[in-house]
Amino acid sequence: MPTDVDDQIARAGELLNRTRSTYDPAGQRARRQREIEVARRIGRIAAADALIIVAAIAIGWFVPLGMGGALLVMGLLIATTLFFALMPGAPEPKVEQLAATPIKALPSQTGRWLESQRLALPAPARTLVDSIGVKLETLAPQLATLNEAEPAAAEVRKLVGEQLPELVKGYGRVPEPLRKVERNGATPDQQLVDALGVIDSEISEMTAKLAAGDLDNLATRGRYLQIRYRDDEISGA
């Protein structure tokens, strides 16, 4: 028979589950991405339908459409709506494409790719992936006015478009049974978590530097050797 203690434990568990479901960065980003995709589809449908209606009205000034023309316009509206509603969404970005992605779109594309790799990573790394995803969303507006030719843009691209994906790819090449085997004082799991922590901190500092307009300071910073070193360790594990 359940006791008061059992009831309290059950209620605490329910509260914890509700709290976890409320704070779910990955889930929130996925929902936002779905909402953005739906908004884009609705916008395309509205624009296409408006164009058809305007064209029909313009033609009707010179040539009476009649019942057949009205049915044709209605058919075009239905077909256009179904086409844009059912067309496939944007494909998942490929890691090979990130290096060539325009700097303005790089944080969102890297964030989407990173989210697709999340479940293959150990639990502590997933927490950092969530944190990095949020920071990439914050970084994106800072890059809206950044010139591709700026040295700062090259540093952002190096970290976000090259080193971060290579780090995760390097971990993925490690056979699963070896990921918890210590080598050089740390397991590949721990090396991944440590390196993601460094990247998480770097993105925060990049965002702050860009917000302050301190591009020269950002362009001359040199903390990436540590990330590269850890990346090589994971890749070679």
C-alpha atoms as a PDB file:
ATOM      1  CA  MET A   1       0.000   0.000   0.000  1.00  0.00           C
ATOM      2  CA  PRO A   2       1.468   3.386  -0.994  1.00  0.00           C
ATOM      3  CA  THR A   3       2.692   5.489   1.887  1.00  0.00           C
ATOM      4  CA  ASP A   4       2.834   9.264   2.219  1.00  0.00           C
ATOM      5  CA  VAL A   5       6.535   9.100   1.369  1.00  0.00           C
ATOM      6  CA  ASP A   6       5.764   7.178  -1.831  1.00  0.00           C
ATOM      7  CA  ASP A   7       3.172   9.783  -2.778  1.00  0.00           C
ATOM      8  CA  GLN A   8       5.650  12.598  -2.180  1.00  0.00           C
ATOM      9  CA  ILE A   9       8.294  10.832  -4.300  1.00  0.00           C
ATOM     10  CA  ALA A  10       5.774  10.331  -7.091  1.00  0.00           C
ATOM     11  CA  ARG A  11       4.748  13.992  -6.991  1.00  0.00           C
ATOM     12  CA  ALA A  12       8.394  15.073  -7.013  1.00  0.00           C
ATOM     13  CA  GLY A  13       9.030  12.863 -10.027  1.00  0.00           C
ATOM     14  CA  GLU A  14       6.072  14.360 -11.875  1.00  0.00           C
ATOM     15  CA  LEU A  15       7.327  17.873 -11.077  1.00  0.00           C
ATOM     16  CA  LEU A  16      10.801  16.985 -12.329  1.00  0.00           C
ATOM     17  CA  ASN A  17       9.402  15.594 -15.579  1.00  0.00           C
ATOM     18  CA  ARG A  18       7.297  18.708 -16.110  1.00  0.00           C
ATOM     19  CA  THR A  19      10.337  20.891 -15.454  1.00  0.00           C
ATOM     20  CA  ARG A  20      12.433  18.917 -17.930  1.00  0.00           C
ATOM     21  CA  SER A  21       9.754  19.142 -20.588  1.00  0.00           C
ATOM     22  CA  THR A  22       9.460  22.893 -20.010  1.00  0.00           C
ATOM     23  CA  TYR A  23      13.207  23.525 -20.316  1.00  0.00           C
ATOM     24  CA  ASP A  24      14.208  21.655 -23.432  1.00  0.00           C
ATOM     25  CA  PRO A  25      16.481  23.805 -25.605  1.00  0.00           C
ATOM     26  CA  ALA A  26      16.686  21.190 -28.339  1.00  0.00           C
ATOM     27  CA  GLY A  27      12.924  20.787 -28.424  1.00  0.00           C
ATOM     28  CA  GLN A  28      12.399  24.545 -28.402  1.00  0.00           C
ATOM     29  CA  ARG A  29      14.791  25.001 -31.321  1.00  0.00           C
ATOM     30  CA  ALA A  30      13.053  22.219 -33.249  1.00  0.00           C
ATOM     31  CA  ARG A  31       9.673  23.843 -32.637  1.00  0.00           C
ATOM     32  CA  ARG A  32      11.002  27.233 -33.731  1.00  0.00           C
ATOM     33  CA  GLN A  33      12.426  25.652 -36.879  1.00  0.00           C
ATOM     34  CA  ARG A  34       9.059  24.053 -37.644  1.00  0.00           C
ATOM     35  CA  GLU A  35       7.277  27.353 -37.037  1.00  0.00           C
ATOM     36  CA  ILE A  36       9.701  29.156 -39.368  1.00  0.00           C
ATOM     37  CA  GLU A  37       9.178  26.509 -42.052  1.00  0.00           C
ATOM     38  CA  VAL A  38       5.372  26.766 -41.715  1.00  0.00           C
ATOM     39  CA  ALA A  39       5.563  30.575 -41.921  1.00  0.00           C
ATOM     40  CA  ARG A  40       7.677  30.321 -45.072  1.00  0.00           C
ATOM     41  CA  ARG A  41       5.224  27.939 -46.689  1.00  0.00           C
ATOM     42  CA  ILE A  42       2.277  30.167 -45.826  1.00  0.00           C
ATOM     43  CA  GLY A  43       4.133  33.182 -47.216  1.00  0.00           C
ATOM     44  CA  ARG A  44       4.875  31.392 -50.508  1.00  0.00           C
ATOM     45  CA  ILE A  45       1.266  30.229 -50.795  1.00  0.00           C
ATOM     46  CA  ALA A  46      -0.076  33.731 -50.129  1.00  0.00           C
ATOM     47  CA  ALA A  47       2.293  35.335 -52.643  1.00  0.00           C
ATOM     48  CA  ALA A  48       1.560  32.776 -55.373  1.00  0.00           C
ATOM     49  CA  ASP A  49      -2.211  32.919 -54.846  1.00  0.00           C
ATOM     50  CA  ALA A  50      -2.159  36.723 -54.847  1.00  0.00           C
ATOM     51  CA  LEU A  51      -0.222  36.688 -58.130  1.00  0.00           C
ATOM     52  CA  ILE A  52      -2.786  34.340 -59.712  1.00  0.00           C
ATOM     53  CA  ILE A  53      -5.708  36.501 -58.543  1.00  0.00           C
ATOM     54  CA  VAL A  54      -4.079  39.735 -59.776  1.00  0.00           C
ATOM     55  CA  ALA A  55      -3.340  38.113 -63.144  1.00  0.00           C
ATOM     56  CA  ALA A  56      -6.919  36.844 -63.397  1.00  0.00           C
ATOM     57  CA  ILE A  57      -8.312  40.308 -62.616  1.00  0.00           C
ATOM     58  CA  ALA A  58      -5.983  41.931 -65.163  1.00  0.00           C
ATOM     59  CA  ILE A  59      -6.970  39.452 -67.873  1.00  0.00           C
ATOM     60  CA  GLY A  60     -10.650  39.854 -66.951  1.00  0.00           C
ATOM     61  CA  TRP A  61     -10.478  43.562 -67.826  1.00  0.00           C
ATOM     62  CA  PHE A  62      -9.884  42.636 -71.465  1.00  0.00           C
ATOM     63  CA  VAL A  63     -11.299  39.132 -71.875  1.00  0.00           C
ATOM     64  CA  PRO A  64     -14.374  37.938 -69.934  1.00  0.00           C
ATOM     65  CA  LEU A  65     -13.358  34.830 -68.056  1.00  0.00           C
ATOM     66  CA  GLY A  66     -16.792  33.333 -67.650  1.00  0.00           C
ATOM     67  CA  MET A  67     -17.534  30.198 -65.668  1.00  0.00           C
ATOM     68  CA  GLY A  68     -14.732  28.239 -67.315  1.00  0.00           C
ATOM     69  CA  GLY A  69     -12.175  30.919 -66.503  1.00  0.00           C
ATOM     70  CA  ALA A  70     -13.354  31.146 -62.908  1.00  0.00           C
ATOM     71  CA  LEU A  71     -13.009  27.359 -62.532  1.00  0.00           C
ATOM     72  CA  LEU A  72      -9.549  27.518 -64.092  1.00  0.00           C
ATOM     73  CA  VAL A  73      -8.474  30.222 -61.619  1.00  0.00           C
ATOM     74  CA  MET A  74      -9.883  28.198 -58.715  1.00  0.00           C
ATOM     75  CA  GLY A  75      -8.045  25.106 -59.932  1.00  0.00           C
ATOM     76  CA  LEU A  76      -4.806  27.044 -60.175  1.00  0.00           C
ATOM     77  CA  LEU A  77      -5.269  28.371 -56.643  1.00  0.00           C
ATOM     78  CA  ILE A  78      -5.879  24.874 -55.262  1.00  0.00           C
ATOM     79  CA  ALA A  79      -2.951  23.380 -57.189  1.00  0.00           C
ATOM     80  CA  THR A  80      -0.588  26.148 -56.102  1.00  0.00           C
ATOM     81  CA  THR A  81      -1.639  25.834 -52.469  1.00  0.00           C
ATOM     82  CA  LEU A  82      -1.145  22.056 -52.488  1.00  0.00           C
ATOM     83  CA  PHE A  83       2.209  22.365 -54.257  1.00  0.00           C
ATOM     84  CA  PHE A  84       3.734  24.736 -51.703  1.00  0.00           C
ATOM     85  CA  ALA A  85       2.075  22.958 -48.754  1.00  0.00           C
ATOM     86  CA  LEU A  86       3.371  19.511 -49.717  1.00  0.00           C
ATOM     87  CA  MET A  87       6.755  20.357 -51.237  1.00  0.00           C
ATOM     88  CA  PRO A  88       9.718  18.895 -49.302  1.00  0.00           C
ATOM     89  CA  GLY A  89      11.317  21.100 -46.675  1.00  0.00           C
ATOM     90  CA  ALA A  90      14.881  22.298 -46.746  1.00  0.00           C
ATOM     91  CA  PRO A  91      17.304  19.344 -46.616  1.00  0.00           C
ATOM     92  CA  GLU A  92      19.558  18.870 -43.628  1.00  0.00           C
ATOM     93  CA  PRO A  93      22.839  20.729 -44.201  1.00  0.00           C
ATOM     94  CA  LYS A  94      25.857  18.552 -44.979  1.00  0.00           C
ATOM     95  CA  VAL A  95      29.057  19.103 -43.078  1.00  0.00           C
ATOM     96  CA  GLU A  96      30.985  19.476 -46.348  1.00  0.00           C
ATOM     97  CA  GLN A  97      28.818  22.467 -47.260  1.00  0.00           C
ATOM     98  CA  LEU A  98      29.365  24.402 -44.045  1.00  0.00           C
ATOM     99  CA  ALA A  99      32.775  25.775 -45.018  1.00  0.00           C
ATOM    100  CA  ALA A 100      31.235  27.388 -48.124  1.00  0.00           C
ATOM    101  CA  THR A 101      28.105  28.710 -46.392  1.00  0.00           C
ATOM    102  CA  PRO A 102      27.765  32.526 -46.379  1.00  0.00           C
ATOM    103  CA  ILE A 103      28.855  33.922 -43.028  1.00  0.00           C
ATOM    104  CA  LYS A 104      25.384  35.313 -42.293  1.00  0.00           C
ATOM    105  CA  ALA A 105      23.794  31.870 -42.617  1.00  0.00           C
ATOM    106  CA  LEU A 106      26.649  29.919 -41.026  1.00  0.00           C
ATOM    107  CA  PRO A 107      25.380  29.863 -37.395  1.00  0.00           C
ATOM    108  CA  SER A 108      21.918  28.601 -38.365  1.00  0.00           C
ATOM    109  CA  GLN A 109      23.279  25.989 -40.774  1.00  0.00           C
ATOM    110  CA  THR A 110      25.879  24.760 -38.286  1.00  0.00           C
ATOM    111  CA  GLY A 111      23.227  24.694 -35.555  1.00  0.00           C
ATOM    112  CA  ARG A 112      20.918  22.562 -37.700  1.00  0.00           C
ATOM    113  CA  TRP A 113      23.736  20.157 -38.566  1.00  0.00           C
ATOM    114  CA  LEU A 114      24.863  19.956 -34.948  1.00  0.00           C
ATOM    115  CA  GLU A 115      21.305  19.191 -33.829  1.00  0.00           C
ATOM    116  CA  SER A 116      21.211  16.265 -36.289  1.00  0.00           C
ATOM    117  CA  GLN A 117      24.324  14.812 -34.586  1.00  0.00           C
ATOM    118  CA  ARG A 118      23.084  15.326 -31.028  1.00  0.00           C
ATOM    119  CA  LEU A 119      21.718  11.851 -30.291  1.00  0.00           C
ATOM    120  CA  ALA A 120      25.006  10.202 -31.290  1.00  0.00           C
ATOM    121  CA  LEU A 121      26.889  12.093 -28.560  1.00  0.00           C
ATOM    122  CA  PRO A 122      27.249  11.255 -24.845  1.00  0.00           C
ATOM    123  CA  ALA A 123      24.817  12.911 -22.425  1.00  0.00           C
ATOM    124  CA  PRO A 124      27.223  15.589 -21.096  1.00  0.00           C
ATOM    125  CA  ALA A 125      28.078  16.556 -24.679  1.00  0.00           C
ATOM    126  CA  ARG A 126      24.379  16.911 -25.544  1.00  0.00           C
ATOM    127  CA  THR A 127      24.020  19.514 -22.810  1.00  0.00           C
ATOM    128  CA  LEU A 128      26.884  21.478 -24.335  1.00  0.00           C
ATOM    129  CA  VAL A 129      25.412  21.045 -27.822  1.00  0.00           C
ATOM    130  CA  ASP A 130      22.191  22.609 -26.513  1.00  0.00           C
ATOM    131  CA  SER A 131      24.173  25.502 -25.038  1.00  0.00           C
ATOM    132  CA  ILE A 132      26.146  25.982 -28.263  1.00  0.00           C
ATOM    133  CA  GLY A 133      22.912  25.918 -30.262  1.00  0.00           C
ATOM    134  CA  VAL A 134      21.483  28.755 -28.178  1.00  0.00           C
ATOM    135  CA  LYS A 135      24.711  30.742 -28.535  1.00  0.00           C
ATOM    136  CA  LEU A 136      24.736  30.235 -32.302  1.00  0.00           C
ATOM    137  CA  GLU A 137      21.242  31.709 -32.435  1.00  0.00           C
ATOM    138  CA  THR A 138      22.540  34.707 -30.488  1.00  0.00           C
ATOM    139  CA  LEU A 139      25.603  35.010 -32.728  1.00  0.00           C
ATOM    140  CA  ALA A 140      23.610  35.047 -35.982  1.00  0.00           C
ATOM    141  CA  PRO A 141      22.321  38.660 -35.734  1.00  0.00           C
ATOM    142  CA  GLN A 142      25.847  39.852 -34.963  1.00  0.00           C
ATOM    143  CA  LEU A 143      27.012  38.505 -38.330  1.00  0.00           C
ATOM    144  CA  ALA A 144      24.258  40.199 -40.341  1.00  0.00           C
ATOM    145  CA  THR A 145      26.452  43.220 -41.080  1.00  0.00           C
ATOM    146  CA  LEU A 146      29.852  41.524 -40.938  1.00  0.00           C
ATOM    147  CA  ASN A 147      31.794  41.737 -44.194  1.00  0.00           C
ATOM    148  CA  GLU A 148      33.064  38.396 -45.504  1.00  0.00           C
ATOM    149  CA  ALA A 149      36.435  40.037 -46.129  1.00  0.00           C
ATOM    150  CA  GLU A 150      36.907  41.008 -42.473  1.00  0.00           C
ATOM    151  CA  PRO A 151      39.573  38.961 -40.639  1.00  0.00           C
ATOM    152  CA  ALA A 152      36.963  38.517 -37.880  1.00  0.00           C
ATOM    153  CA  ALA A 153      34.703  36.709 -40.361  1.00  0.00           C
ATOM    154  CA  ALA A 154      37.512  34.256 -41.088  1.00  0.00           C
ATOM    155  CA  GLU A 155      37.884  33.520 -37.359  1.00  0.00           C
ATOM    156  CA  VAL A 156      34.154  32.925 -36.976  1.00  0.00           C
ATOM    157  CA  ARG A 157      34.147  30.650 -40.015  1.00  0.00           C
ATOM    158  CA  LYS A 158      37.183  28.746 -38.716  1.00  0.00           C
ATOM    159  CA  LEU A 159      35.541  28.001 -35.373  1.00  0.00           C
ATOM    160  CA  VAL A 160      31.879  27.575 -36.343  1.00  0.00           C
ATOM    161  CA  GLY A 161      32.199  26.191 -39.864  1.00  0.00           C
ATOM    162  CA  GLU A 162      35.353  24.100 -39.585  1.00  0.00           C
ATOM    163  CA  GLN A 163      36.638  23.242 -36.115  1.00  0.00           C
ATOM    164  CA  LEU A 164      33.293  22.541 -34.451  1.00  0.00           C
ATOM    165  CA  PRO A 165      32.093  20.160 -37.200  1.00  0.00           C
ATOM    166  CA  GLU A 166      35.505  18.487 -37.428  1.00  0.00           C
ATOM    167  CA  LEU A 167      35.492  17.918 -33.684  1.00  0.00           C
ATOM    168  CA  VAL A 168      32.137  16.133 -33.795  1.00  0.00           C
ATOM    169  CA  LYS A 169      33.113  14.201 -36.936  1.00  0.00           C
ATOM    170  CA  GLY A 170      36.382  13.137 -35.292  1.00  0.00           C
ATOM    171  CA  TYR A 171      34.473  11.776 -32.306  1.00  0.00           C
ATOM    172  CA  GLY A 172      32.112   9.911 -34.630  1.00  0.00           C
ATOM    173  CA  ARG A 173      35.061   8.085 -36.201  1.00  0.00           C
ATOM    174  CA  VAL A 174      36.066   6.589 -32.851  1.00  0.00           C
ATOM    175  CA  PRO A 175      34.665   3.032 -32.500  1.00  0.00           C
ATOM    176  CA  GLU A 176      31.953   3.031 -29.852  1.00  0.00           C
ATOM    177  CA  PRO A 177      33.674   0.454 -27.555  1.00  0.00           C
ATOM    178  CA  LEU A 178      36.735   2.731 -27.349  1.00  0.00           C
ATOM    179  CA  ARG A 179      34.923   5.939 -26.482  1.00  0.00           C
ATOM    180  CA  LYS A 180      35.093   5.262 -22.761  1.00  0.00           C
ATOM    181  CA  VAL A 181      38.619   3.858 -22.796  1.00  0.00           C
ATOM    182  CA  GLU A 182      41.174   6.220 -21.262  1.00  0.00           C
ATOM    183  CA  ARG A 183      44.023   7.348 -23.451  1.00  0.00           C
ATOM    184  CA  ASN A 184      46.559  10.081 -22.663  1.00  0.00           C
ATOM    185  CA  GLY A 185      44.770  10.728 -19.384  1.00  0.00           C
ATOM    186  CA  ALA A 186      41.220  11.097 -20.747  1.00  0.00           C
ATOM    187  CA  THR A 187      38.597   9.126 -22.624  1.00  0.00           C
ATOM    188  CA  PRO A 188      37.367  10.278 -26.059  1.00  0.00           C
ATOM    189  CA  ASP A 189      34.042  11.101 -24.363  1.00  0.00           C
ATOM    190  CA  GLN A 190      35.800  13.422 -21.922  1.00  0.00           C
ATOM    191  CA  GLN A 191      37.968  14.941 -24.656  1.00  0.00           C
ATOM    192  CA  LEU A 192      34.828  15.724 -26.648  1.00  0.00           C
ATOM    193  CA  VAL A 193      33.111  17.326 -23.663  1.00  0.00           C
ATOM    194  CA  ASP A 194      36.189  19.397 -22.791  1.00  0.00           C
ATOM    195  CA  ALA A 195      36.606  20.633 -26.367  1.00  0.00           C
ATOM    196  CA  LEU A 196      32.905  21.460 -26.715  1.00  0.00           C
ATOM    197  CA  GLY A 197      33.196  23.444 -23.491  1.00  0.00           C
ATOM    198  CA  VAL A 198      36.051  25.468 -24.983  1.00  0.00           C
ATOM    199  CA  ILE A 199      34.039  26.100 -28.156  1.00  0.00           C
ATOM    200  CA  ASP A 200      30.993  27.094 -26.108  1.00  0.00           C
ATOM    201  CA  SER A 201      33.108  29.679 -24.285  1.00  0.00           C
ATOM    202  CA  GLU A 202      34.728  30.875 -27.527  1.00  0.00           C
ATOM    203  CA  ILE A 203      31.359  31.510 -29.175  1.00  0.00           C
ATOM    204  CA  SER A 204      30.251  33.537 -26.150  1.00  0.00           C
ATOM    205  CA  GLU A 205      33.369  35.698 -26.363  1.00  0.00           C
ATOM    206  CA  MET A 206      32.991  36.081 -30.133  1.00  0.00           C
ATOM    207  CA  THR A 207      29.427  37.292 -29.689  1.00  0.00           C
ATOM    208  CA  ALA A 208      30.529  39.801 -27.044  1.00  0.00           C
ATOM    209  CA  LYS A 209      33.390  41.083 -29.224  1.00  0.00           C
ATOM    210  CA  LEU A 210      31.132  41.464 -32.259  1.00  0.00           C
ATOM    211  CA  ALA A 211      28.465  43.219 -30.199  1.00  0.00           C
ATOM    212  CA  ALA A 212      31.100  45.664 -28.952  1.00  0.00           C
ATOM    213  CA  GLY A 213      32.459  46.196 -32.469  1.00  0.00           C
ATOM    214  CA  ASP A 214      35.883  44.975 -31.327  1.00  0.00           C
ATOM    215  CA  LEU A 215      36.733  43.240 -34.606  1.00  0.00           C
ATOM    216  CA  ASP A 216      40.489  43.774 -34.357  1.00  0.00           C
ATOM    217  CA  ASN A 217      40.607  42.039 -30.978  1.00  0.00           C
ATOM    218  CA  LEU A 218      38.538  39.148 -32.289  1.00  0.00           C
ATOM    219  CA  ALA A 219      40.652  38.748 -35.414  1.00  0.00           C
ATOM    220  CA  THR A 220      43.921  38.522 -33.478  1.00  0.00           C
ATOM    221  CA  ARG A 221      42.809  36.094 -30.790  1.00  0.00           C
ATOM    222  CA  GLY A 222      44.710  32.812 -30.803  1.00  0.00           C
ATOM    223  CA  ARG A 223      43.044  30.232 -28.588  1.00  0.00           C
ATOM    224  CA  TYR A 224      42.261  27.756 -31.326  1.00  0.00           C
ATOM    225  CA  LEU A 225      45.385  25.618 -30.999  1.00  0.00           C
ATOM    226  CA  GLN A 226      43.904  24.038 -27.896  1.00  0.00           C
ATOM    227  CA  ILE A 227      40.771  23.061 -29.823  1.00  0.00           C
ATOM    228  CA  ARG A 228      42.786  21.719 -32.741  1.00  0.00           C
ATOM    229  CA  TYR A 229      44.986  19.723 -30.391  1.00  0.00           C
ATOM    230  CA  ARG A 230      42.002  18.102 -28.721  1.00  0.00           C
ATOM    231  CA  ASP A 231      40.346  17.529 -32.082  1.00  0.00           C
ATOM    232  CA  ASP A 232      43.446  15.678 -33.285  1.00  0.00           C
ATOM    233  CA  GLU A 233      43.477  13.598 -30.129  1.00  0.00           C
ATOM    234  CA  ILE A 234      39.874  12.500 -30.644  1.00  0.00           C
ATOM    235  CA  SER A 235      40.398  11.849 -34.325  1.00  0.00           C
ATOM    236  CA  GLY A 236      43.434   9.727 -33.612  1.00  0.00           C
ATOM    237  CA  ALA A 237      41.937   7.819 -30.693  1.00  0.00           C
END
